[in-house]
Structure formats: C-alpha cells, structure tokens
C-alpha atoms as a PDB file:
ATOM      1  CA  MET A   1      92.007 111.816 102.231  1.00  0.00           C
ATOM      2  CA  GLN A   2      91.374 112.377  98.546  1.00  0.00           C
ATOM      3  CA  GLN A   3      92.261 109.863  95.893  1.00  0.00           C
ATOM      4  CA  PRO A   4      95.198 111.310  93.969  1.00  0.00           C
ATOM      5  CA  SER A   5      95.281 111.521  90.228  1.00  0.00           C
ATOM      6  CA  PRO A   6      98.707 112.369  88.851  1.00  0.00           C
ATOM      7  CA  PRO A   7      98.820 114.839  85.928  1.00  0.00           C
ATOM      8  CA  LEU A   8      99.871 112.204  83.366  1.00  0.00           C
ATOM      9  CA  ALA A   9      99.964 114.430  80.263  1.00  0.00           C
ATOM     10  CA  THR A  10     102.098 117.013  82.071  1.00  0.00           C
ATOM     11  CA  ILE A  11     104.443 114.322  83.414  1.00  0.00           C
ATOM     12  CA  ALA A  12     104.791 112.708  79.969  1.00  0.00           C
ATOM     13  CA  ALA A  13     105.657 115.967  78.207  1.00  0.00           C
ATOM     14  CA  ALA A  14     108.031 117.133  80.950  1.00  0.00           C
ATOM     15  CA  LEU A  15     109.870 113.804  81.186  1.00  0.00           C
ATOM     16  CA  ARG A  16     110.421 113.641  77.449  1.00  0.00           C
ATOM     17  CA  ALA A  17     111.547 117.295  77.254  1.00  0.00           C
ATOM     18  CA  GLU A  18     113.894 117.062  80.254  1.00  0.00           C
ATOM     19  CA  ARG A  19     115.387 113.751  79.083  1.00  0.00           C
ATOM     20  CA  GLU A  20     116.007 115.176  75.603  1.00  0.00           C
ATOM     21  CA  ARG A  21     117.430 118.397  77.122  1.00  0.00           C
ATOM     22  CA  ALA A  22     119.863 116.219  79.124  1.00  0.00           C
ATOM     23  CA  GLY A  23     120.744 114.323  75.939  1.00  0.00           C
ATOM     24  CA  ILE A  24     120.231 110.849  77.420  1.00  0.00           C
ATOM     25  CA  SER A  25     118.354 107.811  76.195  1.00  0.00           C
ATOM     26  CA  LEU A  26     115.310 106.261  77.800  1.00  0.00           C
ATOM     27  CA  ALA A  27     117.432 103.302  78.905  1.00  0.00           C
ATOM     28  CA  GLU A  28     120.100 105.544  80.455  1.00  0.00           C
ATOM     29  CA  LEU A  29     117.559 107.604  82.415  1.00  0.00           C
ATOM     30  CA  ALA A  30     115.854 104.425  83.639  1.00  0.00           C
ATOM     31  CA  ARG A  31     119.230 103.092  84.796  1.00  0.00           C
ATOM     32  CA  ARG A  32     120.197 106.322  86.574  1.00  0.00           C
ATOM     33  CA  ALA A  33     116.822 106.576  88.314  1.00  0.00           C
ATOM     34  CA  GLY A  34     116.615 102.893  89.209  1.00  0.00           C
ATOM     35  CA  VAL A  35     113.274 102.397  87.460  1.00  0.00           C
ATOM     36  CA  ALA A  36     112.307  99.886  84.811  1.00  0.00           C
ATOM     37  CA  LYS A  37     112.709 101.084  81.221  1.00  0.00           C
ATOM     38  CA  SER A  38     109.142  99.892  80.547  1.00  0.00           C
ATOM     39  CA  THR A  39     107.870 102.076  83.408  1.00  0.00           C
ATOM     40  CA  LEU A  40     109.672 105.109  82.016  1.00  0.00           C
ATOM     41  CA  SER A  41     108.385 104.357  78.523  1.00  0.00           C
ATOM     42  CA  GLN A  42     104.804 104.198  79.873  1.00  0.00           C
ATOM     43  CA  LEU A  43     105.250 107.496  81.718  1.00  0.00           C
ATOM     44  CA  GLU A  44     106.551 109.241  78.590  1.00  0.00           C
ATOM     45  CA  ALA A  45     103.536 107.834  76.728  1.00  0.00           C
ATOM     46  CA  GLY A  46     101.188 109.346  79.334  1.00  0.00           C
ATOM     47  CA  THR A  47     100.121 106.044  80.861  1.00  0.00           C
ATOM     48  CA  GLY A  48     100.967 104.357  84.133  1.00  0.00           C
ATOM     49  CA  ASN A  49     100.500 105.577  87.689  1.00  0.00           C
ATOM     50  CA  PRO A  50     103.754 107.095  88.960  1.00  0.00           C
ATOM     51  CA  SER A  51     104.357 107.413  92.684  1.00  0.00           C
ATOM     52  CA  ILE A  52     106.107 110.320  94.362  1.00  0.00           C
ATOM     53  CA  GLU A  53     109.140 108.080  94.854  1.00  0.00           C
ATOM     54  CA  THR A  54     109.397 107.255  91.138  1.00  0.00           C
ATOM     55  CA  LEU A  55     109.076 110.909  90.112  1.00  0.00           C
ATOM     56  CA  TRP A  56     111.599 112.056  92.741  1.00  0.00           C
ATOM     57  CA  SER A  57     114.065 109.440  91.483  1.00  0.00           C
ATOM     58  CA  LEU A  58     113.603 110.662  87.923  1.00  0.00           C
ATOM     59  CA  GLY A  59     114.038 114.288  89.003  1.00  0.00           C
ATOM     60  CA  VAL A  60     117.248 113.465  90.872  1.00  0.00           C
ATOM     61  CA  ALA A  61     118.556 111.469  87.887  1.00  0.00           C
ATOM     62  CA  LEU A  62     117.814 114.436  85.599  1.00  0.00           C
ATOM     63  CA  GLY A  63     119.195 116.972  88.093  1.00  0.00           C
ATOM     64  CA  ILE A  64     115.936 118.931  88.192  1.00  0.00           C
ATOM     65  CA  PRO A  65     113.379 119.801  90.874  1.00  0.00           C
ATOM     66  CA  PHE A  66     110.471 117.368  91.209  1.00  0.00           C
ATOM     67  CA  SER A  67     108.043 120.165  90.352  1.00  0.00           C
ATOM     68  CA  ARG A  68     109.295 120.397  86.756  1.00  0.00           C
ATOM     69  CA  LEU A  69     107.808 116.949  86.159  1.00  0.00           C
ATOM     70  CA  VAL A  70     104.327 117.613  87.537  1.00  0.00           C
ATOM     71  CA  GLU A  71     103.491 121.293  87.097  1.00  0.00           C
ATOM     72  CA  PRO A  72     102.005 122.545  83.826  1.00  0.00           C
ATOM     73  CA  PRO A  73     102.976 126.031  82.630  1.00  0.00           C
ATOM     74  CA  ALA A  74     101.162 128.554  84.851  1.00  0.00           C
ATOM     75  CA  PRO A  75      98.887 131.370  83.669  1.00  0.00           C
ATOM     76  CA  SER A  76      99.512 134.894  85.041  1.00  0.00           C
ATOM     77  CA  VAL A  77      96.718 134.535  87.648  1.00  0.00           C
ATOM     78  CA  ARG A  78      96.335 131.123  89.212  1.00  0.00           C
ATOM     79  CA  VAL A  79      93.907 129.880  91.858  1.00  0.00           C
ATOM     80  CA  ILE A  80      93.923 126.384  93.293  1.00  0.00           C
ATOM     81  CA  ARG A  81      90.881 125.711  95.449  1.00  0.00           C
ATOM     82  CA  SER A  82      91.209 123.627  98.585  1.00  0.00           C
ATOM     83  CA  GLY A  83      91.130 119.960  97.648  1.00  0.00           C
ATOM     84  CA  GLU A  84      92.019 120.617  94.001  1.00  0.00           C
ATOM     85  CA  GLY A  85      95.306 120.528  92.137  1.00  0.00           C
ATOM     86  CA  PRO A  86      97.597 117.737  91.004  1.00  0.00           C
ATOM     87  CA  LEU A  87      97.819 115.207  93.853  1.00  0.00           C
ATOM     88  CA  LEU A  88     100.494 112.558  94.177  1.00  0.00           C
ATOM     89  CA  ALA A  89     100.570 109.750  96.729  1.00  0.00           C
ATOM     90  CA  ALA A  90     103.445 107.846  98.306  1.00  0.00           C
ATOM     91  CA  ASP A  91     103.716 104.088  97.783  1.00  0.00           C
ATOM     92  CA  GLN A  92     104.736 103.238 101.329  1.00  0.00           C
ATOM     93  CA  ALA A  93     102.814 105.731 103.537  1.00  0.00           C
ATOM     94  CA  ASP A  94      99.433 107.456 103.886  1.00  0.00           C
ATOM     95  CA  PHE A  95     100.911 110.658 102.435  1.00  0.00           C
ATOM     96  CA  VAL A  96      99.561 112.893  99.668  1.00  0.00           C
ATOM     97  CA  ALA A  97     101.180 116.089  98.386  1.00  0.00           C
ATOM     98  CA  ALA A  98      99.656 118.714  96.107  1.00  0.00           C
ATOM     99  CA  LEU A  99     102.054 121.010  94.269  1.00  0.00           C
ATOM    100  CA  LEU A 100     100.676 124.534  94.557  1.00  0.00           C
ATOM    101  CA  SER A 101     103.460 126.472  92.870  1.00  0.00           C
ATOM    102  CA  ALA A 102     106.743 125.603  91.243  1.00  0.00           C
ATOM    103  CA  GLY A 103     109.520 128.136  91.316  1.00  0.00           C
ATOM    104  CA  SER A 104     110.612 129.717  88.081  1.00  0.00           C
ATOM    105  CA  PRO A 105     114.130 128.903  86.893  1.00  0.00           C
ATOM    106  CA  HIS A 106     115.233 132.039  88.773  1.00  0.00           C
ATOM    107  CA  THR A 107     113.465 131.462  92.122  1.00  0.00           C
ATOM    108  CA  ARG A 108     113.967 127.688  92.378  1.00  0.00           C
ATOM    109  CA  ARG A 109     111.351 127.053  95.041  1.00  0.00           C
ATOM    110  CA  ASP A 110     108.238 124.895  95.097  1.00  0.00           C
ATOM    111  CA  ILE A 111     105.217 125.104  97.423  1.00  0.00           C
ATOM    112  CA  TYR A 112     103.190 122.032  98.425  1.00  0.00           C
ATOM    113  CA  VAL A 113     100.321 121.154 100.728  1.00  0.00           C
ATOM    114  CA  MET A 114     100.910 117.774 102.395  1.00  0.00           C
ATOM    115  CA  GLU A 115      98.186 115.610 103.938  1.00  0.00           C
ATOM    116  CA  LEU A 116      99.388 112.890 106.304  1.00  0.00           C
ATOM    117  CA  GLU A 117      97.612 110.243 108.360  1.00  0.00           C
ATOM    118  CA  PRO A 118      98.998 108.139 111.207  1.00  0.00           C
ATOM    119  CA  GLY A 119     100.454 104.778 110.211  1.00  0.00           C
ATOM    120  CA  LYS A 120     103.545 104.086 108.214  1.00  0.00           C
ATOM    121  CA  PRO A 121     105.776 107.191 108.028  1.00  0.00           C
ATOM    122  CA  ARG A 122     106.996 108.641 104.728  1.00  0.00           C
ATOM    123  CA  GLU A 123     110.735 108.031 104.454  1.00  0.00           C
ATOM    124  CA  ALA A 124     111.921 110.362 101.693  1.00  0.00           C
ATOM    125  CA  GLU A 125     115.158 109.820  99.816  1.00  0.00           C
ATOM    126  CA  ALA A 126     117.625 112.674  99.418  1.00  0.00           C
ATOM    127  CA  HIS A 127     116.627 115.206  96.739  1.00  0.00           C
ATOM    128  CA  ILE A 128     118.929 117.068  94.380  1.00  0.00           C
ATOM    129  CA  PRO A 129     122.009 118.616  96.043  1.00  0.00           C
ATOM    130  CA  GLY A 130     121.314 121.960  97.701  1.00  0.00           C
ATOM    131  CA  SER A 131     117.631 121.217  98.374  1.00  0.00           C
ATOM    132  CA  PHE A 132     116.285 122.706 101.610  1.00  0.00           C
ATOM    133  CA  GLU A 133     112.807 122.126 103.082  1.00  0.00           C
ATOM    134  CA  HIS A 134     110.645 124.497 105.130  1.00  0.00           C
ATOM    135  CA  VAL A 135     107.524 123.028 106.782  1.00  0.00           C
ATOM    136  CA  VAL A 136     104.724 124.804 108.656  1.00  0.00           C
ATOM    137  CA  VAL A 137     102.212 122.502 110.351  1.00  0.00           C
ATOM    138  CA  ALA A 138      98.683 123.810 109.705  1.00  0.00           C
ATOM    139  CA  ALA A 139      96.691 121.177 111.631  1.00  0.00           C
ATOM    140  CA  GLY A 140      97.448 118.120 113.758  1.00  0.00           C
ATOM    141  CA  ARG A 141     100.828 116.927 114.955  1.00  0.00           C
ATOM    142  CA  MET A 142     103.699 115.336 113.085  1.00  0.00           C
ATOM    143  CA  LYS A 143     107.355 114.376 113.184  1.00  0.00           C
ATOM    144  CA  ALA A 144     109.498 115.799 110.412  1.00  0.00           C
ATOM    145  CA  GLY A 145     113.132 116.427 109.608  1.00  0.00           C
ATOM    146  CA  PRO A 146     116.256 114.520 108.701  1.00  0.00           C
ATOM    147  CA  SER A 147     115.807 110.765 109.275  1.00  0.00           C
ATOM    148  CA  SER A 148     118.613 110.908 111.829  1.00  0.00           C
ATOM    149  CA  GLU A 149     116.834 113.510 113.966  1.00  0.00           C
ATOM    150  CA  PRO A 150     113.102 114.064 113.270  1.00  0.00           C
ATOM    151  CA  VAL A 151     111.382 116.644 115.460  1.00  0.00           C
ATOM    152  CA  GLU A 152     107.854 116.515 116.882  1.00  0.00           C
ATOM    153  CA  LEU A 153     105.779 119.472 115.669  1.00  0.00           C
ATOM    154  CA  ALA A 154     102.293 120.822 116.453  1.00  0.00           C
ATOM    155  CA  ALA A 155      99.957 123.158 114.546  1.00  0.00           C
ATOM    156  CA  GLY A 156     101.715 126.466 113.923  1.00  0.00           C
ATOM    157  CA  ASP A 157     105.231 125.034 114.350  1.00  0.00           C
ATOM    158  CA  TYR A 158     107.893 125.562 111.670  1.00  0.00           C
ATOM    159  CA  ILE A 159     110.946 123.453 110.819  1.00  0.00           C
ATOM    160  CA  ALA A 160     113.663 123.924 108.208  1.00  0.00           C
ATOM    161  CA  PHE A 161     116.139 121.211 107.246  1.00  0.00           C
ATOM    162  CA  PRO A 162     118.317 119.972 104.370  1.00  0.00           C
ATOM    163  CA  GLY A 163     116.296 118.070 101.765  1.00  0.00           C
ATOM    164  CA  ASP A 164     119.390 116.560 100.182  1.00  0.00           C
ATOM    165  CA  VAL A 165     119.647 113.964 102.965  1.00  0.00           C
ATOM    166  CA  PRO A 166     117.136 111.175 103.743  1.00  0.00           C
ATOM    167  CA  HIS A 167     114.239 112.661 105.687  1.00  0.00           C
ATOM    168  CA  HIS A 168     111.103 111.675 107.540  1.00  0.00           C
ATOM    169  CA  TYR A 169     107.429 112.733 107.651  1.00  0.00           C
ATOM    170  CA  GLU A 170     105.060 111.073 110.130  1.00  0.00           C
ATOM    171  CA  ALA A 171     101.543 112.081 111.199  1.00  0.00           C
ATOM    172  CA  LEU A 172     100.910 111.764 114.929  1.00  0.00           C
ATOM    173  CA  GLU A 173      97.199 112.714 114.669  1.00  0.00           C
ATOM    174  CA  THR A 174      94.497 112.141 112.064  1.00  0.00           C
ATOM    175  CA  GLY A 175      93.830 115.089 109.793  1.00  0.00           C
ATOM    176  CA  THR A 176      97.399 116.362 109.908  1.00  0.00           C
ATOM    177  CA  TRP A 177      98.382 118.701 107.117  1.00  0.00           C
ATOM    178  CA  ALA A 178     101.238 121.087 106.479  1.00  0.00           C
ATOM    179  CA  VAL A 179     102.655 123.510 103.956  1.00  0.00           C
ATOM    180  CA  LEU A 180     106.052 122.597 102.512  1.00  0.00           C
ATOM    181  CA  VAL A 181     108.275 125.107 100.727  1.00  0.00           C
ATOM    182  CA  MET A 182     111.194 123.434  99.000  1.00  0.00           C
ATOM    183  CA  GLU A 183     114.188 125.503  97.924  1.00  0.00           C
ATOM    184  CA  HIS A 184     116.594 124.328  95.290  1.00  0.00           C
ATOM    185  CA  ARG A 185     119.854 126.224  95.744  1.00  0.00           C
END
C-alpha cells in the first residue's frame, strides 16, 4: 500500500475559505469538530498531517462534503493515473482512500478508490445528513455497510447504504480495493 501524502495546501485553503464562508471562528470550528484548536490552526497554515477522521469531522462541522477539503479545482480534462492522486489514510485501520472526483455544487457526489488490508477494520463516523454510499468491490473480499449490519462482498459485488450513520469497512483478503461513490443529497 502506498504511503499517503495529504494535499496540505489544498486543505489549508479550503478549510480557511469554508470556515470564513460559515462565519465561524477557528475556536468555534475546533469545538464543533472535536479537534484541538492548535491542530486546526496548523491545518489552515498548511502544516500538520490530517487523518481522514479529522477531515471528516471538520466537513461535518462545516456542513460540507469531505471532498471540498481535499480536492483542488479541476481542469476541464483530468486524468489520474493508477497509484496517483491525493491519498489519505485512516488513523485506526489499514485503509487508504484516493479522491478521484468531487461533485460540483449541483451534482453533489464524490468518487474514491479505497485500498484496504486485513487487520483492524475502518469504523467510519456518520457523515453529513443525506449522505449515501455506493461501493463496488474491484478486487479481494470485504465487509461493508452500516455498522449494525455489514455485508460480506466479493469482487464485482455492489452495496449501497446510508452514509449518515456509523459504518464499517473491513478487508477480508490482502489486496482488496473498491470504488466508492458518495452522494450528498
């Protein structure tokens, strides 16, 4: 699995812009997201090493999709080669996600490639209200779905479930990867 390198400059600019758009202080956003003010200050300065969990918490606190914090403005033609793109890792699991495409304000959907390895599962917190996840397993086997009822999936299988409830991702084989399309209704 590749070593992730979060897009710090993009995150810094997006965090600052979204916080100012919401009209809230650094301290208030830190409180709402449950992160240290110093951590948020570092992220807005373009330093630090944010995890997926931290960025999701900030997105939920701002009422925006996660992708708005990590995706730079896209050119009219965009190619992301396999193994490239902004990668973000989970703190608690062997889980890496690469955002391939963020939905425009009108489409409100994001597309990710997820790489998972057996071990500790990724327990995701609820996302913004109305979020819905679509997963297609490309290789390997995994369990995915709401934490209360994850489903075992094999290559080629598809699952759709609410993303605004706690949910679960767990690799059952090495080399598992899947495509995730997240809708924000």
